[in-house]
């Protein structure tokens, strides 16, 4: 499986976990966005579940349920901090194979 986490995103995650004061990493999950596309979510992870695959990218532990693995191939996680425009950018570097624009 291939997930790319940019150094900027990794630093933002490390800083958020430090401010929060707890957590084992960040969980990546997938929701159906219609038209055979997916919407990706990041949330704090306080534990590693039995159904999780855990791996480290740029010094950050990422967790994902094994069921989501096919939808995470080629995922790219970046972070933008431009004035009022701040947040994580999550996209796939490979097409999902549908008619959507998620690739």
PDB file of N, CA and C in Angstrom:
ATOM      1  N   UNK A   1       0.840  -1.175   0.000  1.00  0.00           N
ATOM      2  CA  UNK A   1       0.000   0.000   0.000  1.00  0.00           C
ATOM      3  C   UNK A   1       0.883   1.236   0.000  1.00  0.00           C
ATOM      4  N   UNK A   2       0.421   2.238  -0.689  1.00  0.00           N
ATOM      5  CA  UNK A   2       1.217   3.443  -0.831  1.00  0.00           C
ATOM      6  C   UNK A   2       0.415   4.672  -0.410  1.00  0.00           C
ATOM      7  N   UNK A   3       0.798   5.257   0.726  1.00  0.00           N
ATOM      8  CA  UNK A   3       0.261   6.549   1.149  1.00  0.00           C
ATOM      9  C   UNK A   3       1.449   7.479   1.294  1.00  0.00           C
ATOM     10  N   UNK A   4       1.357   8.653   0.712  1.00  0.00           N
ATOM     11  CA  UNK A   4       2.421   9.645   0.826  1.00  0.00           C
ATOM     12  C   UNK A   4       1.960  10.761   1.746  1.00  0.00           C
ATOM     13  N   UNK A   5       2.785  11.059   2.735  1.00  0.00           N
ATOM     14  CA  UNK A   5       2.520  12.142   3.673  1.00  0.00           C
ATOM     15  C   UNK A   5       3.623  13.167   3.487  1.00  0.00           C
ATOM     16  N   UNK A   6       3.255  14.380   3.127  1.00  0.00           N
ATOM     17  CA  UNK A   6       4.276  15.408   2.898  1.00  0.00           C
ATOM     18  C   UNK A   6       4.908  15.807   4.229  1.00  0.00           C
ATOM     19  N   UNK A   7       6.142  16.312   4.188  1.00  0.00           N
ATOM     20  CA  UNK A   7       6.780  16.795   5.421  1.00  0.00           C
ATOM     21  C   UNK A   7       5.961  17.887   6.113  1.00  0.00           C
ATOM     22  N   UNK A   8       5.312  18.753   5.344  1.00  0.00           N
ATOM     23  CA  UNK A   8       4.498  19.821   5.917  1.00  0.00           C
ATOM     24  C   UNK A   8       3.284  19.235   6.645  1.00  0.00           C
ATOM     25  N   UNK A   9       2.637  18.235   6.041  1.00  0.00           N
ATOM     26  CA  UNK A   9       1.498  17.580   6.682  1.00  0.00           C
ATOM     27  C   UNK A   9       1.942  16.842   7.935  1.00  0.00           C
ATOM     28  N   UNK A  10       3.088  16.179   7.869  1.00  0.00           N
ATOM     29  CA  UNK A  10       3.601  15.456   9.036  1.00  0.00           C
ATOM     30  C   UNK A  10       3.846  16.413  10.195  1.00  0.00           C
ATOM     31  N   UNK A  11       4.432  17.560   9.917  1.00  0.00           N
ATOM     32  CA  UNK A  11       4.689  18.542  10.973  1.00  0.00           C
ATOM     33  C   UNK A  11       3.382  19.061  11.564  1.00  0.00           C
ATOM     34  N   UNK A  12       2.374  19.299  10.717  1.00  0.00           N
ATOM     35  CA  UNK A  12       1.074  19.760  11.206  1.00  0.00           C
ATOM     36  C   UNK A  12       0.427  18.702  12.107  1.00  0.00           C
ATOM     37  N   UNK A  13       0.556  17.440  11.749  1.00  0.00           N
ATOM     38  CA  UNK A  13      -0.008  16.358  12.563  1.00  0.00           C
ATOM     39  C   UNK A  13       0.739  16.252  13.892  1.00  0.00           C
ATOM     40  N   UNK A  14       2.070  16.283  13.845  1.00  0.00           N
ATOM     41  CA  UNK A  14       2.852  16.214  15.087  1.00  0.00           C
ATOM     42  C   UNK A  14       2.489  17.368  16.023  1.00  0.00           C
ATOM     43  N   UNK A  15       2.349  18.575  15.480  1.00  0.00           N
ATOM     44  CA  UNK A  15       1.999  19.735  16.292  1.00  0.00           C
ATOM     45  C   UNK A  15       0.598  19.579  16.889  1.00  0.00           C
ATOM     46  N   UNK A  16      -0.350  19.083  16.107  1.00  0.00           N
ATOM     47  CA  UNK A  16      -1.715  18.892  16.598  1.00  0.00           C
ATOM     48  C   UNK A  16      -1.755  17.845  17.708  1.00  0.00           C
ATOM     49  N   UNK A  17      -1.022  16.754  17.530  1.00  0.00           N
ATOM     50  CA  UNK A  17      -0.969  15.720  18.573  1.00  0.00           C
ATOM     51  C   UNK A  17      -0.317  16.256  19.839  1.00  0.00           C
ATOM     52  N   UNK A  18       0.711  17.067  19.687  1.00  0.00           N
ATOM     53  CA  UNK A  18       1.386  17.652  20.852  1.00  0.00           C
ATOM     54  C   UNK A  18       0.445  18.596  21.603  1.00  0.00           C
ATOM     55  N   UNK A  19      -0.296  19.432  20.875  1.00  0.00           N
ATOM     56  CA  UNK A  19      -1.261  20.343  21.512  1.00  0.00           C
ATOM     57  C   UNK A  19      -2.344  19.557  22.232  1.00  0.00           C
ATOM     58  N   UNK A  20      -2.762  18.473  21.618  1.00  0.00           N
ATOM     59  CA  UNK A  20      -3.819  17.641  22.189  1.00  0.00           C
ATOM     60  C   UNK A  20      -3.320  16.920  23.433  1.00  0.00           C
ATOM     61  N   UNK A  21      -2.055  16.550  23.441  1.00  0.00           N
ATOM     62  CA  UNK A  21      -1.463  15.913  24.608  1.00  0.00           C
ATOM     63  C   UNK A  21      -1.665  14.419  24.722  1.00  0.00           C
ATOM     64  N   UNK A  22      -2.259  13.816  23.729  1.00  0.00           N
ATOM     65  CA  UNK A  22      -2.431  12.365  23.734  1.00  0.00           C
ATOM     66  C   UNK A  22      -2.703  11.892  22.321  1.00  0.00           C
ATOM     67  N   UNK A  23      -2.626  10.589  22.135  1.00  0.00           N
ATOM     68  CA  UNK A  23      -2.899   9.987  20.837  1.00  0.00           C
ATOM     69  C   UNK A  23      -1.726   9.162  20.346  1.00  0.00           C
ATOM     70  N   UNK A  24      -2.040   8.090  19.633  1.00  0.00           N
ATOM     71  CA  UNK A  24      -1.000   7.220  19.085  1.00  0.00           C
ATOM     72  C   UNK A  24      -0.696   7.539  17.633  1.00  0.00           C
ATOM     73  N   UNK A  25      -1.511   8.408  17.035  1.00  0.00           N
ATOM     74  CA  UNK A  25      -1.312   8.773  15.636  1.00  0.00           C
ATOM     75  C   UNK A  25      -2.590   9.322  15.045  1.00  0.00           C
ATOM     76  N   UNK A  26      -2.714   9.154  13.739  1.00  0.00           N
ATOM     77  CA  UNK A  26      -3.871   9.665  13.002  1.00  0.00           C
ATOM     78  C   UNK A  26      -4.482   8.518  12.201  1.00  0.00           C
ATOM     79  N   UNK A  27      -5.796   8.425  12.267  1.00  0.00           N
ATOM     80  CA  UNK A  27      -6.534   7.400  11.527  1.00  0.00           C
ATOM     81  C   UNK A  27      -7.030   7.982  10.207  1.00  0.00           C
ATOM     82  N   UNK A  28      -6.814   7.242   9.138  1.00  0.00           N
ATOM     83  CA  UNK A  28      -7.304   7.608   7.809  1.00  0.00           C
ATOM     84  C   UNK A  28      -8.504   6.716   7.523  1.00  0.00           C
ATOM     85  N   UNK A  29      -9.636   7.332   7.213  1.00  0.00           N
ATOM     86  CA  UNK A  29     -10.822   6.543   6.899  1.00  0.00           C
ATOM     87  C   UNK A  29     -11.432   7.025   5.588  1.00  0.00           C
ATOM     88  N   UNK A  30     -12.373   6.247   5.095  1.00  0.00           N
ATOM     89  CA  UNK A  30     -12.957   6.498   3.781  1.00  0.00           C
ATOM     90  C   UNK A  30     -14.473   6.487   3.904  1.00  0.00           C
ATOM     91  N   UNK A  31     -15.113   7.437   3.232  1.00  0.00           N
ATOM     92  CA  UNK A  31     -16.568   7.472   3.129  1.00  0.00           C
ATOM     93  C   UNK A  31     -16.939   7.523   1.655  1.00  0.00           C
ATOM     94  N   UNK A  32     -18.062   6.912   1.328  1.00  0.00           N
ATOM     95  CA  UNK A  32     -18.562   6.952  -0.039  1.00  0.00           C
ATOM     96  C   UNK A  32     -19.002   8.375  -0.363  1.00  0.00           C
ATOM     97  N   UNK A  33     -18.498   8.911  -1.472  1.00  0.00           N
ATOM     98  CA  UNK A  33     -18.872  10.263  -1.895  1.00  0.00           C
ATOM     99  C   UNK A  33     -19.741  10.231  -3.145  1.00  0.00           C
ATOM    100  N   UNK A  34     -20.228   9.064  -3.512  1.00  0.00           N
ATOM    101  CA  UNK A  34     -21.081   8.950  -4.689  1.00  0.00           C
ATOM    102  C   UNK A  34     -20.278   8.873  -5.969  1.00  0.00           C
ATOM    103  N   UNK A  35     -20.928   8.452  -7.038  1.00  0.00           N
ATOM    104  CA  UNK A  35     -20.308   8.336  -8.357  1.00  0.00           C
ATOM    105  C   UNK A  35     -18.996   7.560  -8.283  1.00  0.00           C
ATOM    106  N   UNK A  36     -18.978   6.484  -7.510  1.00  0.00           N
ATOM    107  CA  UNK A  36     -17.812   5.613  -7.314  1.00  0.00           C
ATOM    108  C   UNK A  36     -16.571   6.357  -6.836  1.00  0.00           C
ATOM    109  N   UNK A  37     -16.765   7.418  -6.077  1.00  0.00           N
ATOM    110  CA  UNK A  37     -15.658   8.170  -5.485  1.00  0.00           C
ATOM    111  C   UNK A  37     -15.662   7.994  -3.979  1.00  0.00           C
ATOM    112  N   UNK A  38     -14.604   8.456  -3.374  1.00  0.00           N
ATOM    113  CA  UNK A  38     -14.477   8.358  -1.930  1.00  0.00           C
ATOM    114  C   UNK A  38     -14.076   9.698  -1.347  1.00  0.00           C
ATOM    115  N   UNK A  39     -14.520   9.951  -0.129  1.00  0.00           N
ATOM    116  CA  UNK A  39     -14.097  11.120   0.639  1.00  0.00           C
ATOM    117  C   UNK A  39     -13.217  10.590   1.767  1.00  0.00           C
ATOM    118  N   UNK A  40     -12.102  11.246   2.008  1.00  0.00           N
ATOM    119  CA  UNK A  40     -11.136  10.787   2.993  1.00  0.00           C
ATOM    120  C   UNK A  40     -11.196  11.647   4.239  1.00  0.00           C
ATOM    121  N   UNK A  41     -11.031  11.013   5.393  1.00  0.00           N
ATOM    122  CA  UNK A  41     -11.068  11.702   6.670  1.00  0.00           C
ATOM    123  C   UNK A  41      -9.817  11.392   7.472  1.00  0.00           C
ATOM    124  N   UNK A  42      -9.368  12.372   8.233  1.00  0.00           N
ATOM    125  CA  UNK A  42      -8.298  12.187   9.204  1.00  0.00           C
ATOM    126  C   UNK A  42      -8.887  12.473  10.575  1.00  0.00           C
ATOM    127  N   UNK A  43      -8.568  11.630  11.551  1.00  0.00           N
ATOM    128  CA  UNK A  43      -9.004  11.865  12.914  1.00  0.00           C
ATOM    129  C   UNK A  43      -7.940  11.356  13.876  1.00  0.00           C
ATOM    130  N   UNK A  44      -7.928  11.919  15.062  1.00  0.00           N
ATOM    131  CA  UNK A  44      -6.991  11.449  16.072  1.00  0.00           C
ATOM    132  C   UNK A  44      -7.269   9.991  16.387  1.00  0.00           C
ATOM    133  N   UNK A  45      -6.211   9.252  16.633  1.00  0.00           N
ATOM    134  CA  UNK A  45      -6.336   7.853  17.046  1.00  0.00           C
ATOM    135  C   UNK A  45      -5.717   7.709  18.429  1.00  0.00           C
ATOM    136  N   UNK A  46      -6.524   7.245  19.376  1.00  0.00           N
ATOM    137  CA  UNK A  46      -6.039   7.051  20.738  1.00  0.00           C
ATOM    138  C   UNK A  46      -5.634   5.614  21.003  1.00  0.00           C
ATOM    139  N   UNK A  47      -5.950   4.729  20.045  1.00  0.00           N
ATOM    140  CA  UNK A  47      -5.582   3.325  20.200  1.00  0.00           C
ATOM    141  C   UNK A  47      -5.426   2.694  18.819  1.00  0.00           C
ATOM    142  N   UNK A  48      -4.723   1.599  18.781  1.00  0.00           N
ATOM    143  CA  UNK A  48      -4.597   0.806  17.559  1.00  0.00           C
ATOM    144  C   UNK A  48      -5.586  -0.349  17.681  1.00  0.00           C
ATOM    145  N   UNK A  49      -6.503  -0.432  16.750  1.00  0.00           N
ATOM    146  CA  UNK A  49      -7.532  -1.476  16.760  1.00  0.00           C
ATOM    147  C   UNK A  49      -7.010  -2.747  16.098  1.00  0.00           C
ATOM    148  N   UNK A  50      -7.645  -3.868  16.415  1.00  0.00           N
ATOM    149  CA  UNK A  50      -7.253  -5.138  15.787  1.00  0.00           C
ATOM    150  C   UNK A  50      -7.394  -5.084  14.274  1.00  0.00           C
ATOM    151  N   UNK A  51      -8.340  -4.303  13.779  1.00  0.00           N
ATOM    152  CA  UNK A  51      -8.604  -4.238  12.338  1.00  0.00           C
ATOM    153  C   UNK A  51      -7.723  -3.210  11.630  1.00  0.00           C
ATOM    154  N   UNK A  52      -6.780  -2.594  12.350  1.00  0.00           N
ATOM    155  CA  UNK A  52      -5.932  -1.554  11.777  1.00  0.00           C
ATOM    156  C   UNK A  52      -4.632  -2.088  11.189  1.00  0.00           C
ATOM    157  N   UNK A  53      -4.230  -1.444  10.136  1.00  0.00           N
ATOM    158  CA  UNK A  53      -2.857  -1.539   9.653  1.00  0.00           C
ATOM    159  C   UNK A  53      -2.203  -0.255  10.132  1.00  0.00           C
ATOM    160  N   UNK A  54      -1.080  -0.372  10.819  1.00  0.00           N
ATOM    161  CA  UNK A  54      -0.371   0.801  11.326  1.00  0.00           C
ATOM    162  C   UNK A  54       0.979   0.888  10.625  1.00  0.00           C
ATOM    163  N   UNK A  55       1.329   2.086  10.177  1.00  0.00           N
ATOM    164  CA  UNK A  55       2.630   2.294   9.560  1.00  0.00           C
ATOM    165  C   UNK A  55       3.065   3.725   9.806  1.00  0.00           C
ATOM    166  N   UNK A  56       4.333   3.980   9.609  1.00  0.00           N
ATOM    167  CA  UNK A  56       4.891   5.299   9.887  1.00  0.00           C
ATOM    168  C   UNK A  56       5.345   5.946   8.585  1.00  0.00           C
ATOM    169  N   UNK A  57       4.931   7.199   8.393  1.00  0.00           N
ATOM    170  CA  UNK A  57       5.340   8.026   7.256  1.00  0.00           C
ATOM    171  C   UNK A  57       5.843   9.337   7.834  1.00  0.00           C
ATOM    172  N   UNK A  58       7.025   9.762   7.477  1.00  0.00           N
ATOM    173  CA  UNK A  58       7.567  11.048   7.922  1.00  0.00           C
ATOM    174  C   UNK A  58       7.516  11.199   9.443  1.00  0.00           C
ATOM    175  N   UNK A  59       7.702  10.071  10.147  1.00  0.00           N
ATOM    176  CA  UNK A  59       7.710  10.106  11.605  1.00  0.00           C
ATOM    177  C   UNK A  59       6.341  10.161  12.256  1.00  0.00           C
ATOM    178  N   UNK A  60       5.275   9.996  11.478  1.00  0.00           N
ATOM    179  CA  UNK A  60       3.906  10.025  11.993  1.00  0.00           C
ATOM    180  C   UNK A  60       3.276   8.653  11.796  1.00  0.00           C
ATOM    181  N   UNK A  61       2.635   8.141  12.864  1.00  0.00           N
ATOM    182  CA  UNK A  61       1.939   6.853  12.737  1.00  0.00           C
ATOM    183  C   UNK A  61       0.570   7.098  12.105  1.00  0.00           C
ATOM    184  N   UNK A  62       0.347   6.432  10.983  1.00  0.00           N
ATOM    185  CA  UNK A  62      -0.939   6.451  10.291  1.00  0.00           C
ATOM    186  C   UNK A  62      -1.604   5.110  10.510  1.00  0.00           C
ATOM    187  N   UNK A  63      -2.891   5.132  10.765  1.00  0.00           N
ATOM    188  CA  UNK A  63      -3.667   3.919  10.983  1.00  0.00           C
ATOM    189  C   UNK A  63      -4.796   3.879   9.977  1.00  0.00           C
ATOM    190  N   UNK A  64      -5.095   2.692   9.484  1.00  0.00           N
ATOM    191  CA  UNK A  64      -6.208   2.524   8.557  1.00  0.00           C
ATOM    192  C   UNK A  64      -6.779   1.131   8.736  1.00  0.00           C
ATOM    193  N   UNK A  65      -8.086   1.048   8.707  1.00  0.00           N
ATOM    194  CA  UNK A  65      -8.757  -0.239   8.789  1.00  0.00           C
ATOM    195  C   UNK A  65      -8.407  -1.039   7.534  1.00  0.00           C
ATOM    196  N   UNK A  66      -8.154  -2.327   7.714  1.00  0.00           N
ATOM    197  CA  UNK A  66      -7.809  -3.178   6.571  1.00  0.00           C
ATOM    198  C   UNK A  66      -8.860  -3.100   5.459  1.00  0.00           C
ATOM    199  N   UNK A  67     -10.122  -2.888   5.810  1.00  0.00           N
ATOM    200  CA  UNK A  67     -11.186  -2.829   4.804  1.00  0.00           C
ATOM    201  C   UNK A  67     -11.007  -1.653   3.850  1.00  0.00           C
ATOM    202  N   UNK A  68     -10.313  -0.593   4.284  1.00  0.00           N
ATOM    203  CA  UNK A  68     -10.132   0.595   3.448  1.00  0.00           C
ATOM    204  C   UNK A  68      -8.914   0.516   2.530  1.00  0.00           C
ATOM    205  N   UNK A  69      -8.076  -0.475   2.701  1.00  0.00           N
ATOM    206  CA  UNK A  69      -6.805  -0.512   1.974  1.00  0.00           C
ATOM    207  C   UNK A  69      -6.933  -0.340   0.460  1.00  0.00           C
ATOM    208  N   UNK A  70      -7.891  -0.976  -0.211  1.00  0.00           N
ATOM    209  CA  UNK A  70      -7.983  -0.766  -1.662  1.00  0.00           C
ATOM    210  C   UNK A  70      -8.261   0.693  -2.042  1.00  0.00           C
ATOM    211  N   UNK A  71      -8.907   1.440  -1.161  1.00  0.00           N
ATOM    212  CA  UNK A  71      -9.262   2.837  -1.444  1.00  0.00           C
ATOM    213  C   UNK A  71      -8.145   3.808  -1.072  1.00  0.00           C
ATOM    214  N   UNK A  72      -7.104   3.322  -0.426  1.00  0.00           N
ATOM    215  CA  UNK A  72      -6.031   4.194   0.043  1.00  0.00           C
ATOM    216  C   UNK A  72      -4.786   4.139  -0.834  1.00  0.00           C
ATOM    217  N   UNK A  73      -4.760   3.223  -1.776  1.00  0.00           N
ATOM    218  CA  UNK A  73      -3.603   3.108  -2.672  1.00  0.00           C
ATOM    219  C   UNK A  73      -3.408   4.408  -3.430  1.00  0.00           C
ATOM    220  N   UNK A  74      -2.207   4.958  -3.350  1.00  0.00           N
ATOM    221  CA  UNK A  74      -1.889   6.187  -4.059  1.00  0.00           C
ATOM    222  C   UNK A  74      -2.374   7.452  -3.366  1.00  0.00           C
ATOM    223  N   UNK A  75      -2.798   7.337  -2.103  1.00  0.00           N
ATOM    224  CA  UNK A  75      -3.275   8.506  -1.374  1.00  0.00           C
ATOM    225  C   UNK A  75      -2.124   9.464  -1.075  1.00  0.00           C
ATOM    226  N   UNK A  76      -2.377  10.741  -1.261  1.00  0.00           N
ATOM    227  CA  UNK A  76      -1.392  11.790  -0.991  1.00  0.00           C
ATOM    228  C   UNK A  76      -2.005  12.739   0.034  1.00  0.00           C
ATOM    229  N   UNK A  77      -1.321  12.921   1.165  1.00  0.00           N
ATOM    230  CA  UNK A  77      -1.798  13.815   2.211  1.00  0.00           C
ATOM    231  C   UNK A  77      -0.817  14.975   2.310  1.00  0.00           C
ATOM    232  N   UNK A  78      -1.335  16.179   2.131  1.00  0.00           N
ATOM    233  CA  UNK A  78      -0.510  17.381   2.215  1.00  0.00           C
ATOM    234  C   UNK A  78      -1.220  18.353   3.152  1.00  0.00           C
ATOM    235  N   UNK A  79      -0.578  19.475   3.410  1.00  0.00           N
ATOM    236  CA  UNK A  79      -1.159  20.497   4.281  1.00  0.00           C
ATOM    237  C   UNK A  79      -0.894  21.865   3.677  1.00  0.00           C
ATOM    238  N   UNK A  80      -1.923  22.703   3.685  1.00  0.00           N
ATOM    239  CA  UNK A  80      -1.792  24.063   3.154  1.00  0.00           C
ATOM    240  C   UNK A  80      -2.026  25.043   4.295  1.00  0.00           C
ATOM    241  N   UNK A  81      -1.167  26.044   4.373  1.00  0.00           N
ATOM    242  CA  UNK A  81      -1.286  27.089   5.391  1.00  0.00           C
ATOM    243  C   UNK A  81      -1.023  28.424   4.718  1.00  0.00           C
ATOM    244  N   UNK A  82      -2.077  28.961   4.111  1.00  0.00           N
ATOM    245  CA  UNK A  82      -1.978  30.219   3.366  1.00  0.00           C
ATOM    246  C   UNK A  82      -3.021  31.191   3.898  1.00  0.00           C
ATOM    247  N   UNK A  83      -2.653  31.969   4.909  1.00  0.00           N
ATOM    248  CA  UNK A  83      -3.585  32.924   5.500  1.00  0.00           C
ATOM    249  C   UNK A  83      -4.761  32.223   6.148  1.00  0.00           C
ATOM    250  N   UNK A  84      -5.968  32.550   5.669  1.00  0.00           N
ATOM    251  CA  UNK A  84      -7.182  31.927   6.200  1.00  0.00           C
ATOM    252  C   UNK A  84      -7.432  30.548   5.608  1.00  0.00           C
ATOM    253  N   UNK A  85      -6.668  30.170   4.619  1.00  0.00           N
ATOM    254  CA  UNK A  85      -6.834  28.884   3.947  1.00  0.00           C
ATOM    255  C   UNK A  85      -5.856  27.876   4.546  1.00  0.00           C
ATOM    256  N   UNK A  86      -6.326  27.178   5.573  1.00  0.00           N
ATOM    257  CA  UNK A  86      -5.491  26.198   6.263  1.00  0.00           C
ATOM    258  C   UNK A  86      -6.220  24.864   6.296  1.00  0.00           C
ATOM    259  N   UNK A  87      -5.471  23.798   6.130  1.00  0.00           N
ATOM    260  CA  UNK A  87      -6.074  22.479   6.264  1.00  0.00           C
ATOM    261  C   UNK A  87      -5.358  21.424   5.449  1.00  0.00           C
ATOM    262  N   UNK A  88      -5.780  20.208   5.684  1.00  0.00           N
ATOM    263  CA  UNK A  88      -5.190  19.072   4.995  1.00  0.00           C
ATOM    264  C   UNK A  88      -5.816  18.910   3.621  1.00  0.00           C
ATOM    265  N   UNK A  89      -4.981  18.561   2.671  1.00  0.00           N
ATOM    266  CA  UNK A  89      -5.416  18.252   1.307  1.00  0.00           C
ATOM    267  C   UNK A  89      -5.168  16.773   1.097  1.00  0.00           C
ATOM    268  N   UNK A  90      -6.224  16.044   0.816  1.00  0.00           N
ATOM    269  CA  UNK A  90      -6.117  14.602   0.640  1.00  0.00           C
ATOM    270  C   UNK A  90      -6.655  14.258  -0.734  1.00  0.00           C
ATOM    271  N   UNK A  91      -5.834  13.583  -1.515  1.00  0.00           N
ATOM    272  CA  UNK A  91      -6.258  13.194  -2.858  1.00  0.00           C
ATOM    273  C   UNK A  91      -5.575  11.881  -3.224  1.00  0.00           C
ATOM    274  N   UNK A  92      -6.019  11.297  -4.294  1.00  0.00           N
ATOM    275  CA  UNK A  92      -5.383  10.084  -4.808  1.00  0.00           C
ATOM    276  C   UNK A  92      -4.534  10.451  -6.008  1.00  0.00           C
ATOM    277  N   UNK A  93      -3.358   9.855  -6.071  1.00  0.00           N
ATOM    278  CA  UNK A  93      -2.476  10.108  -7.212  1.00  0.00           C
ATOM    279  C   UNK A  93      -2.791   9.182  -8.370  1.00  0.00           C
ATOM    280  N   UNK A  94      -3.703   8.231  -8.144  1.00  0.00           N
ATOM    281  CA  UNK A  94      -4.128   7.310  -9.198  1.00  0.00           C
ATOM    282  C   UNK A  94      -5.642   7.407  -9.316  1.00  0.00           C
ATOM    283  N   UNK A  95      -6.149   7.213 -10.500  1.00  0.00           N
ATOM    284  CA  UNK A  95      -7.585   7.294 -10.727  1.00  0.00           C
ATOM    285  C   UNK A  95      -8.316   6.142 -10.068  1.00  0.00           C
ATOM    286  N   UNK A  96      -9.520   6.420  -9.607  1.00  0.00           N
ATOM    287  CA  UNK A  96     -10.339   5.370  -8.976  1.00  0.00           C
ATOM    288  C   UNK A  96     -10.982   4.474 -10.025  1.00  0.00           C
ATOM    289  N   UNK A  97     -10.874   4.837 -11.284  1.00  0.00           N
ATOM    290  CA  UNK A  97     -11.431   4.004 -12.336  1.00  0.00           C
ATOM    291  C   UNK A  97     -12.844   4.375 -12.729  1.00  0.00           C
ATOM    292  N   UNK A  98     -13.465   5.290 -12.031  1.00  0.00           N
ATOM    293  CA  UNK A  98     -14.816   5.715 -12.358  1.00  0.00           C
ATOM    294  C   UNK A  98     -14.810   6.965 -13.207  1.00  0.00           C
ATOM    295  N   UNK A  99     -15.975   7.591 -13.302  1.00  0.00           N
ATOM    296  CA  UNK A  99     -16.116   8.822 -14.076  1.00  0.00           C
ATOM    297  C   UNK A  99     -15.905  10.070 -13.239  1.00  0.00           C
ATOM    298  N   UNK A 100     -15.443   9.911 -12.013  1.00  0.00           N
ATOM    299  CA  UNK A 100     -15.302  11.053 -11.126  1.00  0.00           C
ATOM    300  C   UNK A 100     -13.943  11.745 -11.342  1.00  0.00           C
ATOM    301  N   UNK A 101     -13.706  12.762 -10.561  1.00  0.00           N
ATOM    302  CA  UNK A 101     -12.469  13.534 -10.663  1.00  0.00           C
ATOM    303  C   UNK A 101     -11.573  13.334  -9.441  1.00  0.00           C
ATOM    304  N   UNK A 102     -11.616  12.179  -8.811  1.00  0.00           N
ATOM    305  CA  UNK A 102     -10.866  12.000  -7.569  1.00  0.00           C
ATOM    306  C   UNK A 102      -9.423  11.576  -7.815  1.00  0.00           C
ATOM    307  N   UNK A 103      -9.016  11.353  -9.042  1.00  0.00           N
ATOM    308  CA  UNK A 103      -7.653  10.891  -9.310  1.00  0.00           C
ATOM    309  C   UNK A 103      -6.687  12.009  -9.559  1.00  0.00           C
TER     310      UNK A 103
END
